[in-house]
Amino acid sequence: MGAERIVDKKFKRFEERYKEERGLIDESLGRPHISLSVEMPEGCEGLEEEFKSLSQDKEFMSELRDLVKKHLERKGREKGGNR
């Protein structure tokens, strides 16, 4: 169990570094992005594996992008923008 903890710790450190580097690359290419941390909703007990795999689910990510786009468009209209 001790070795697993060490590997997990190292992986998290590399994962954080990767996210930072990717953010810098994305910014330099001119495409802004955000990273969110989402807690599993109450009432979804027993669906932990499905929840953890959502970030790799192409359909879910597409629906999430659509939701963000609609939200931004609505915010733009509320501010008086022409979007």
Protein backbone atom coordinates (compact mmCIF):
# COMPACT_ATOMS: atom_id res chain seq x y z
CA MET A 1 0.00 0.00 0.00
CA GLY A 2 2.91 2.37 0.70
CA ALA A 3 4.23 2.09 -2.86
CA GLU A 4 0.79 2.90 -4.28
CA ARG A 5 0.66 6.08 -2.19
CA ILE A 6 4.06 7.16 -3.46
CA VAL A 7 3.04 6.52 -7.07
CA ASP A 8 -0.26 8.37 -6.56
CA LYS A 9 1.56 11.33 -5.02
CA LYS A 10 4.07 11.45 -7.87
CA PHE A 11 1.31 11.14 -10.48
CA LYS A 12 -0.65 14.01 -8.93
CA ARG A 13 2.46 16.19 -8.97
CA PHE A 14 3.11 15.43 -12.66
CA GLU A 15 -0.58 15.88 -13.46
CA GLU A 16 -0.60 19.33 -11.85
CA ARG A 17 2.56 20.28 -13.76
CA TYR A 18 1.01 19.03 -17.00
CA LYS A 19 -2.13 21.12 -16.43
CA GLU A 20 -0.03 24.21 -15.74
CA GLU A 21 2.06 23.68 -18.88
CA ARG A 22 -1.00 22.97 -20.99
CA GLY A 23 -2.61 26.16 -19.72
CA LEU A 24 0.43 28.17 -20.76
CA ILE A 25 0.40 26.58 -24.23
CA ASP A 26 -3.33 27.17 -24.67
CA GLU A 27 -2.94 30.79 -23.60
CA SER A 28 -0.09 31.34 -26.02
CA LEU A 29 -2.20 29.88 -28.84
CA GLY A 30 -4.96 32.33 -27.99
CA ARG A 31 -7.62 29.84 -26.92
CA PRO A 32 -8.63 30.50 -23.32
CA HIS A 33 -9.81 27.67 -21.12
CA ILE A 34 -10.90 27.04 -17.56
CA SER A 35 -10.38 24.06 -15.30
CA LEU A 36 -13.11 23.15 -12.86
CA SER A 37 -13.33 20.81 -9.94
CA VAL A 38 -16.79 19.30 -9.63
CA GLU A 39 -17.92 17.30 -6.62
CA MET A 40 -20.11 14.30 -7.23
CA PRO A 41 -23.74 15.39 -6.69
CA GLU A 42 -25.68 14.10 -3.72
CA GLY A 43 -27.95 11.22 -4.56
CA CYS A 44 -25.52 9.68 -7.05
CA GLU A 45 -24.07 7.15 -4.65
CA GLY A 46 -23.02 3.99 -6.43
CA LEU A 47 -22.09 5.88 -9.61
CA GLU A 48 -18.55 6.81 -8.58
CA GLU A 49 -16.85 5.09 -11.54
CA GLU A 50 -19.24 6.67 -14.05
CA PHE A 51 -18.67 10.08 -12.45
CA LYS A 52 -14.89 9.70 -12.54
CA SER A 53 -14.97 8.80 -16.24
CA LEU A 54 -17.03 11.84 -17.33
CA SER A 55 -13.97 13.91 -18.27
CA GLN A 56 -13.07 11.23 -20.84
CA ASP A 57 -16.64 10.94 -22.19
CA LYS A 58 -16.75 12.74 -25.56
CA GLU A 59 -20.55 13.06 -25.55
CA PHE A 60 -20.53 14.56 -22.04
CA MET A 61 -17.76 17.01 -22.95
CA SER A 62 -19.68 18.07 -26.07
CA GLU A 63 -22.83 18.66 -24.02
CA LEU A 64 -20.80 20.60 -21.47
CA ARG A 65 -19.32 22.84 -24.20
CA ASP A 66 -22.85 23.46 -25.52
CA LEU A 67 -24.03 24.38 -22.02
CA VAL A 68 -21.11 26.80 -21.57
CA LYS A 69 -21.76 28.36 -24.99
CA LYS A 70 -25.46 28.90 -24.23
CA HIS A 71 -24.61 30.35 -20.83
CA LEU A 72 -22.07 32.78 -22.30
CA GLU A 73 -24.48 33.82 -25.06
CA ARG A 74 -27.18 34.52 -22.46
CA LYS A 75 -24.72 36.52 -20.34
CA GLY A 76 -23.73 38.48 -23.45
CA ARG A 77 -27.36 39.34 -24.19
CA GLU A 78 -27.92 40.38 -20.57
CA LYS A 79 -24.94 42.75 -20.81
CA GLY A 80 -26.32 44.17 -24.04
CA GLY A 81 -23.83 42.45 -26.30
CA ASN A 82 -24.61 41.45 -29.88
CA ARG A 83 -23.63 37.82 -29.53
